């Protein structure tokens, strides 16, 4: 039997990446050659994806806190309002969930790791873990407590399951003591985890 330069990895191979890198490069060249997309389109997409980070979401939340009209648009049509702030939302729908003194929202993807990447950047490892995905729907208060987020018994906790068609973004409550802060100053307070719902924005 003839051996190939890059044979498929064995099940016990600790580093199968060279094989998959070679496979990826070969597939890329075929797709470009066939005109599925161009090298320039690929470059633009890579540059766009590398620019995704949680600060985009923080700026969206900060504007919602300081601009009532924008907040209303964000809650009515999250995708359009996020795109208004420069985010490219690829999912058909992005729903914004507002936390209130009566309701705390938290987001999960029980199937895989569906996530609003263009707004929050790449999902954290724990978001993709089987432990988080299975437990937060069954015992959300316990999981939130492990993040250091204690929710009062008088507050309802709602868990939303992301899908390929629908992504969610949590609009956290604005903390006390920030009344005199403008949107730019507020951005630094707003964490990725607070926009997933596992954290609360702390007072400054």
C-alpha atoms as a PDB file:
ATOM      1  CA  UNK A   1       0.000   0.000   0.000  1.00  0.00           C
ATOM      2  CA  UNK A   2       1.365   3.434  -0.945  1.00  0.00           C
ATOM      3  CA  UNK A   3       1.716   5.914   1.924  1.00  0.00           C
ATOM      4  CA  UNK A   4       0.530   9.478   1.356  1.00  0.00           C
ATOM      5  CA  UNK A   5       2.511  12.538   2.410  1.00  0.00           C
ATOM      6  CA  UNK A   6      -0.210  13.484   4.867  1.00  0.00           C
ATOM      7  CA  UNK A   7      -2.013  10.329   5.981  1.00  0.00           C
ATOM      8  CA  UNK A   8      -5.226  10.693   8.017  1.00  0.00           C
ATOM      9  CA  UNK A   9      -4.536  10.933  11.767  1.00  0.00           C
ATOM     10  CA  UNK A  10      -4.909   7.873  13.937  1.00  0.00           C
ATOM     11  CA  UNK A  11      -7.628   8.039  16.639  1.00  0.00           C
ATOM     12  CA  UNK A  12      -4.895   8.210  19.283  1.00  0.00           C
ATOM     13  CA  UNK A  13      -2.802  10.836  17.458  1.00  0.00           C
ATOM     14  CA  UNK A  14      -2.128  13.671  19.959  1.00  0.00           C
ATOM     15  CA  UNK A  15      -1.635  16.228  17.161  1.00  0.00           C
ATOM     16  CA  UNK A  16      -3.773  15.623  14.059  1.00  0.00           C
ATOM     17  CA  UNK A  17      -3.534  19.283  12.990  1.00  0.00           C
ATOM     18  CA  UNK A  18      -0.936  18.921  10.149  1.00  0.00           C
ATOM     19  CA  UNK A  19      -3.304  16.627   8.266  1.00  0.00           C
ATOM     20  CA  UNK A  20      -6.257  18.964   8.657  1.00  0.00           C
ATOM     21  CA  UNK A  21      -4.164  22.016   7.766  1.00  0.00           C
ATOM     22  CA  UNK A  22      -3.117  20.338   4.519  1.00  0.00           C
ATOM     23  CA  UNK A  23      -6.720  19.318   3.851  1.00  0.00           C
ATOM     24  CA  UNK A  24      -7.902  22.886   4.505  1.00  0.00           C
ATOM     25  CA  UNK A  25      -5.334  24.418   2.168  1.00  0.00           C
ATOM     26  CA  UNK A  26      -6.260  21.961  -0.593  1.00  0.00           C
ATOM     27  CA  UNK A  27      -9.980  22.667  -0.181  1.00  0.00           C
ATOM     28  CA  UNK A  28      -9.354  26.429  -0.205  1.00  0.00           C
ATOM     29  CA  UNK A  29      -7.433  26.239  -3.483  1.00  0.00           C
ATOM     30  CA  UNK A  30     -10.161  24.135  -5.116  1.00  0.00           C
ATOM     31  CA  UNK A  31     -12.916  26.546  -4.026  1.00  0.00           C
ATOM     32  CA  UNK A  32     -10.991  29.555  -5.343  1.00  0.00           C
ATOM     33  CA  UNK A  33     -10.161  27.737  -8.574  1.00  0.00           C
ATOM     34  CA  UNK A  34     -13.846  26.829  -9.074  1.00  0.00           C
ATOM     35  CA  UNK A  35     -14.896  30.439  -8.472  1.00  0.00           C
ATOM     36  CA  UNK A  36     -16.917  29.743  -5.307  1.00  0.00           C
ATOM     37  CA  UNK A  37     -15.151  32.748  -3.779  1.00  0.00           C
ATOM     38  CA  UNK A  38     -12.030  34.749  -4.553  1.00  0.00           C
ATOM     39  CA  UNK A  39      -8.813  35.140  -2.590  1.00  0.00           C
ATOM     40  CA  UNK A  40      -9.720  38.824  -2.078  1.00  0.00           C
ATOM     41  CA  UNK A  41     -13.127  37.896  -0.646  1.00  0.00           C
ATOM     42  CA  UNK A  42     -11.406  35.465   1.701  1.00  0.00           C
ATOM     43  CA  UNK A  43      -8.951  38.145   2.827  1.00  0.00           C
ATOM     44  CA  UNK A  44     -11.744  40.629   3.540  1.00  0.00           C
ATOM     45  CA  UNK A  45     -13.705  38.021   5.507  1.00  0.00           C
ATOM     46  CA  UNK A  46     -10.653  37.088   7.602  1.00  0.00           C
ATOM     47  CA  UNK A  47      -9.955  40.748   8.383  1.00  0.00           C
ATOM     48  CA  UNK A  48     -13.577  41.270   9.386  1.00  0.00           C
ATOM     49  CA  UNK A  49     -13.667  38.197  11.646  1.00  0.00           C
ATOM     50  CA  UNK A  50     -10.374  39.142  13.300  1.00  0.00           C
ATOM     51  CA  UNK A  51     -11.962  42.484  14.211  1.00  0.00           C
ATOM     52  CA  UNK A  52     -14.834  40.875  16.123  1.00  0.00           C
ATOM     53  CA  UNK A  53     -14.523  41.384  19.879  1.00  0.00           C
ATOM     54  CA  UNK A  54     -16.771  42.032  22.899  1.00  0.00           C
ATOM     55  CA  UNK A  55     -16.158  45.785  22.745  1.00  0.00           C
ATOM     56  CA  UNK A  56     -18.626  45.977  19.875  1.00  0.00           C
ATOM     57  CA  UNK A  57     -21.338  44.593  22.143  1.00  0.00           C
ATOM     58  CA  UNK A  58     -20.249  46.868  24.988  1.00  0.00           C
ATOM     59  CA  UNK A  59     -20.688  49.904  22.760  1.00  0.00           C
ATOM     60  CA  UNK A  60     -24.150  48.721  21.738  1.00  0.00           C
ATOM     61  CA  UNK A  61     -25.191  48.291  25.385  1.00  0.00           C
ATOM     62  CA  UNK A  62     -23.678  51.634  26.430  1.00  0.00           C
ATOM     63  CA  UNK A  63     -25.589  53.433  23.700  1.00  0.00           C
ATOM     64  CA  UNK A  64     -28.814  51.697  24.722  1.00  0.00           C
ATOM     65  CA  UNK A  65     -28.254  52.890  28.290  1.00  0.00           C
ATOM     66  CA  UNK A  66     -27.749  56.496  27.209  1.00  0.00           C
ATOM     67  CA  UNK A  67     -30.050  56.783  24.171  1.00  0.00           C
ATOM     68  CA  UNK A  68     -33.698  55.834  24.875  1.00  0.00           C
ATOM     69  CA  UNK A  69     -34.652  55.903  21.193  1.00  0.00           C
ATOM     70  CA  UNK A  70     -31.817  53.533  20.289  1.00  0.00           C
ATOM     71  CA  UNK A  71     -32.724  51.257  23.217  1.00  0.00           C
ATOM     72  CA  UNK A  72     -36.288  50.996  21.882  1.00  0.00           C
ATOM     73  CA  UNK A  73     -34.994  50.114  18.398  1.00  0.00           C
ATOM     74  CA  UNK A  74     -32.588  47.554  19.864  1.00  0.00           C
ATOM     75  CA  UNK A  75     -35.338  45.762  21.780  1.00  0.00           C
ATOM     76  CA  UNK A  76     -37.711  45.877  18.813  1.00  0.00           C
ATOM     77  CA  UNK A  77     -35.252  44.700  16.128  1.00  0.00           C
ATOM     78  CA  UNK A  78     -31.891  43.658  17.560  1.00  0.00           C
ATOM     79  CA  UNK A  79     -30.297  42.738  14.244  1.00  0.00           C
ATOM     80  CA  UNK A  80     -31.036  46.042  12.544  1.00  0.00           C
ATOM     81  CA  UNK A  81     -30.034  48.088  15.603  1.00  0.00           C
ATOM     82  CA  UNK A  82     -26.734  46.196  15.974  1.00  0.00           C
ATOM     83  CA  UNK A  83     -26.004  46.712  12.281  1.00  0.00           C
ATOM     84  CA  UNK A  84     -26.690  50.400  12.834  1.00  0.00           C
ATOM     85  CA  UNK A  85     -23.648  50.317  15.143  1.00  0.00           C
ATOM     86  CA  UNK A  86     -21.486  48.627  12.512  1.00  0.00           C
ATOM     87  CA  UNK A  87     -21.921  44.959  13.474  1.00  0.00           C
ATOM     88  CA  UNK A  88     -22.463  42.448  10.668  1.00  0.00           C
ATOM     89  CA  UNK A  89     -25.085  40.023  11.989  1.00  0.00           C
ATOM     90  CA  UNK A  90     -25.047  36.865   9.870  1.00  0.00           C
ATOM     91  CA  UNK A  91     -27.888  35.042  11.661  1.00  0.00           C
ATOM     92  CA  UNK A  92     -31.422  35.703  10.356  1.00  0.00           C
ATOM     93  CA  UNK A  93     -32.463  37.027  13.763  1.00  0.00           C
ATOM     94  CA  UNK A  94     -30.791  38.601  16.793  1.00  0.00           C
ATOM     95  CA  UNK A  95     -33.053  39.095  19.807  1.00  0.00           C
ATOM     96  CA  UNK A  96     -32.039  41.415  22.645  1.00  0.00           C
ATOM     97  CA  UNK A  97     -33.150  40.331  26.121  1.00  0.00           C
ATOM     98  CA  UNK A  98     -33.474  43.115  28.672  1.00  0.00           C
ATOM     99  CA  UNK A  99     -32.585  42.376  32.292  1.00  0.00           C
ATOM    100  CA  UNK A 100     -34.810  44.132  34.818  1.00  0.00           C
ATOM    101  CA  UNK A 101     -35.217  44.096  38.617  1.00  0.00           C
ATOM    102  CA  UNK A 102     -37.820  41.355  38.082  1.00  0.00           C
ATOM    103  CA  UNK A 103     -36.147  39.218  35.350  1.00  0.00           C
ATOM    104  CA  UNK A 104     -32.602  38.009  34.732  1.00  0.00           C
ATOM    105  CA  UNK A 105     -31.834  36.480  31.320  1.00  0.00           C
ATOM    106  CA  UNK A 106     -29.054  34.043  30.459  1.00  0.00           C
ATOM    107  CA  UNK A 107     -28.089  32.579  27.085  1.00  0.00           C
ATOM    108  CA  UNK A 108     -26.889  29.101  26.100  1.00  0.00           C
ATOM    109  CA  UNK A 109     -26.665  26.938  23.008  1.00  0.00           C
ATOM    110  CA  UNK A 110     -27.558  23.415  24.086  1.00  0.00           C
ATOM    111  CA  UNK A 111     -26.868  21.924  20.649  1.00  0.00           C
ATOM    112  CA  UNK A 112     -23.430  23.344  19.863  1.00  0.00           C
ATOM    113  CA  UNK A 113     -22.100  26.906  20.265  1.00  0.00           C
ATOM    114  CA  UNK A 114     -24.413  29.275  18.353  1.00  0.00           C
ATOM    115  CA  UNK A 115     -23.366  32.757  19.442  1.00  0.00           C
ATOM    116  CA  UNK A 116     -23.464  36.375  18.138  1.00  0.00           C
ATOM    117  CA  UNK A 117     -19.756  36.398  17.211  1.00  0.00           C
ATOM    118  CA  UNK A 118     -19.848  39.654  15.268  1.00  0.00           C
ATOM    119  CA  UNK A 119     -21.148  41.390  18.401  1.00  0.00           C
ATOM    120  CA  UNK A 120     -19.319  39.524  21.186  1.00  0.00           C
ATOM    121  CA  UNK A 121     -16.261  38.043  19.460  1.00  0.00           C
ATOM    122  CA  UNK A 122     -15.415  34.365  19.734  1.00  0.00           C
ATOM    123  CA  UNK A 123     -17.366  32.390  22.368  1.00  0.00           C
ATOM    124  CA  UNK A 124     -15.469  31.509  25.554  1.00  0.00           C
ATOM    125  CA  UNK A 125     -14.464  27.884  26.096  1.00  0.00           C
ATOM    126  CA  UNK A 126     -16.942  27.439  28.949  1.00  0.00           C
ATOM    127  CA  UNK A 127     -19.851  28.503  26.702  1.00  0.00           C
ATOM    128  CA  UNK A 128     -19.064  25.571  24.403  1.00  0.00           C
ATOM    129  CA  UNK A 129     -18.524  23.056  27.212  1.00  0.00           C
ATOM    130  CA  UNK A 130     -20.968  20.185  27.707  1.00  0.00           C
ATOM    131  CA  UNK A 131     -21.163  21.042  31.412  1.00  0.00           C
ATOM    132  CA  UNK A 132     -22.467  24.582  30.864  1.00  0.00           C
ATOM    133  CA  UNK A 133     -24.743  23.616  27.972  1.00  0.00           C
ATOM    134  CA  UNK A 134     -26.444  20.844  29.926  1.00  0.00           C
ATOM    135  CA  UNK A 135     -26.591  22.353  33.402  1.00  0.00           C
ATOM    136  CA  UNK A 136     -27.625  25.972  32.860  1.00  0.00           C
ATOM    137  CA  UNK A 137     -31.025  24.926  31.500  1.00  0.00           C
ATOM    138  CA  UNK A 138     -31.650  22.635  34.493  1.00  0.00           C
ATOM    139  CA  UNK A 139     -30.150  24.594  37.364  1.00  0.00           C
ATOM    140  CA  UNK A 140     -29.439  28.148  36.163  1.00  0.00           C
ATOM    141  CA  UNK A 141     -29.156  29.683  39.629  1.00  0.00           C
ATOM    142  CA  UNK A 142     -26.516  27.158  40.673  1.00  0.00           C
ATOM    143  CA  UNK A 143     -24.510  27.736  37.491  1.00  0.00           C
ATOM    144  CA  UNK A 144     -24.751  31.515  37.874  1.00  0.00           C
ATOM    145  CA  UNK A 145     -23.587  31.213  41.482  1.00  0.00           C
ATOM    146  CA  UNK A 146     -20.467  29.417  40.233  1.00  0.00           C
ATOM    147  CA  UNK A 147     -19.746  32.527  38.164  1.00  0.00           C
ATOM    148  CA  UNK A 148     -20.184  34.595  41.336  1.00  0.00           C
ATOM    149  CA  UNK A 149     -23.591  35.870  40.225  1.00  0.00           C
ATOM    150  CA  UNK A 150     -26.191  35.471  42.951  1.00  0.00           C
ATOM    151  CA  UNK A 151     -29.763  36.108  41.840  1.00  0.00           C
ATOM    152  CA  UNK A 152     -32.388  36.860  44.476  1.00  0.00           C
ATOM    153  CA  UNK A 153     -35.252  34.394  44.816  1.00  0.00           C
ATOM    154  CA  UNK A 154     -37.663  37.206  43.948  1.00  0.00           C
ATOM    155  CA  UNK A 155     -36.063  37.563  40.491  1.00  0.00           C
ATOM    156  CA  UNK A 156     -37.171  35.206  37.722  1.00  0.00           C
ATOM    157  CA  UNK A 157     -34.315  33.566  35.790  1.00  0.00           C
ATOM    158  CA  UNK A 158     -35.059  32.858  32.116  1.00  0.00           C
ATOM    159  CA  UNK A 159     -32.753  30.734  29.939  1.00  0.00           C
ATOM    160  CA  UNK A 160     -32.746  31.231  26.161  1.00  0.00           C
ATOM    161  CA  UNK A 161     -31.397  28.559  23.808  1.00  0.00           C
ATOM    162  CA  UNK A 162     -29.605  29.918  20.728  1.00  0.00           C
ATOM    163  CA  UNK A 163     -30.039  28.258  17.335  1.00  0.00           C
ATOM    164  CA  UNK A 164     -28.535  28.582  13.877  1.00  0.00           C
ATOM    165  CA  UNK A 165     -31.339  31.000  12.993  1.00  0.00           C
ATOM    166  CA  UNK A 166     -31.650  32.960  16.224  1.00  0.00           C
ATOM    167  CA  UNK A 167     -28.938  34.541  18.361  1.00  0.00           C
ATOM    168  CA  UNK A 168     -29.448  36.364  21.662  1.00  0.00           C
ATOM    169  CA  UNK A 169     -27.777  39.326  23.337  1.00  0.00           C
ATOM    170  CA  UNK A 170     -28.487  40.248  26.952  1.00  0.00           C
ATOM    171  CA  UNK A 171     -28.984  43.940  27.703  1.00  0.00           C
ATOM    172  CA  UNK A 172     -27.767  44.062  31.318  1.00  0.00           C
ATOM    173  CA  UNK A 173     -29.119  46.515  33.843  1.00  0.00           C
ATOM    174  CA  UNK A 174     -27.235  49.784  34.165  1.00  0.00           C
ATOM    175  CA  UNK A 175     -25.596  49.840  37.606  1.00  0.00           C
ATOM    176  CA  UNK A 176     -26.186  52.519  40.204  1.00  0.00           C
ATOM    177  CA  UNK A 177     -23.567  55.236  40.368  1.00  0.00           C
ATOM    178  CA  UNK A 178     -23.228  55.630  36.606  1.00  0.00           C
ATOM    179  CA  UNK A 179     -25.827  58.333  36.085  1.00  0.00           C
ATOM    180  CA  UNK A 180     -23.211  60.961  35.220  1.00  0.00           C
ATOM    181  CA  UNK A 181     -21.166  58.747  32.888  1.00  0.00           C
ATOM    182  CA  UNK A 182     -21.380  59.054  29.115  1.00  0.00           C
ATOM    183  CA  UNK A 183     -21.488  56.112  26.692  1.00  0.00           C
ATOM    184  CA  UNK A 184     -17.723  56.088  26.122  1.00  0.00           C
ATOM    185  CA  UNK A 185     -17.017  55.835  29.856  1.00  0.00           C
ATOM    186  CA  UNK A 186     -19.642  53.119  30.317  1.00  0.00           C
ATOM    187  CA  UNK A 187     -18.097  50.832  27.702  1.00  0.00           C
ATOM    188  CA  UNK A 188     -15.284  49.840  30.052  1.00  0.00           C
ATOM    189  CA  UNK A 189     -17.738  48.546  32.665  1.00  0.00           C
ATOM    190  CA  UNK A 190     -19.612  46.177  30.358  1.00  0.00           C
ATOM    191  CA  UNK A 191     -18.147  42.672  30.107  1.00  0.00           C
ATOM    192  CA  UNK A 192     -18.785  39.924  27.582  1.00  0.00           C
ATOM    193  CA  UNK A 193     -20.151  37.723  30.382  1.00  0.00           C
ATOM    194  CA  UNK A 194     -22.751  40.329  31.341  1.00  0.00           C
ATOM    195  CA  UNK A 195     -24.010  40.264  27.732  1.00  0.00           C
ATOM    196  CA  UNK A 196     -24.349  36.471  27.904  1.00  0.00           C
ATOM    197  CA  UNK A 197     -26.109  36.816  31.251  1.00  0.00           C
ATOM    198  CA  UNK A 198     -23.726  34.995  33.577  1.00  0.00           C
ATOM    199  CA  UNK A 199     -22.503  38.226  35.168  1.00  0.00           C
ATOM    200  CA  UNK A 200     -23.909  41.532  36.349  1.00  0.00           C
ATOM    201  CA  UNK A 201     -22.296  44.872  35.480  1.00  0.00           C
ATOM    202  CA  UNK A 202     -20.675  46.083  38.719  1.00  0.00           C
ATOM    203  CA  UNK A 203     -20.967  49.574  40.141  1.00  0.00           C
ATOM    204  CA  UNK A 204     -17.946  51.751  39.302  1.00  0.00           C
END
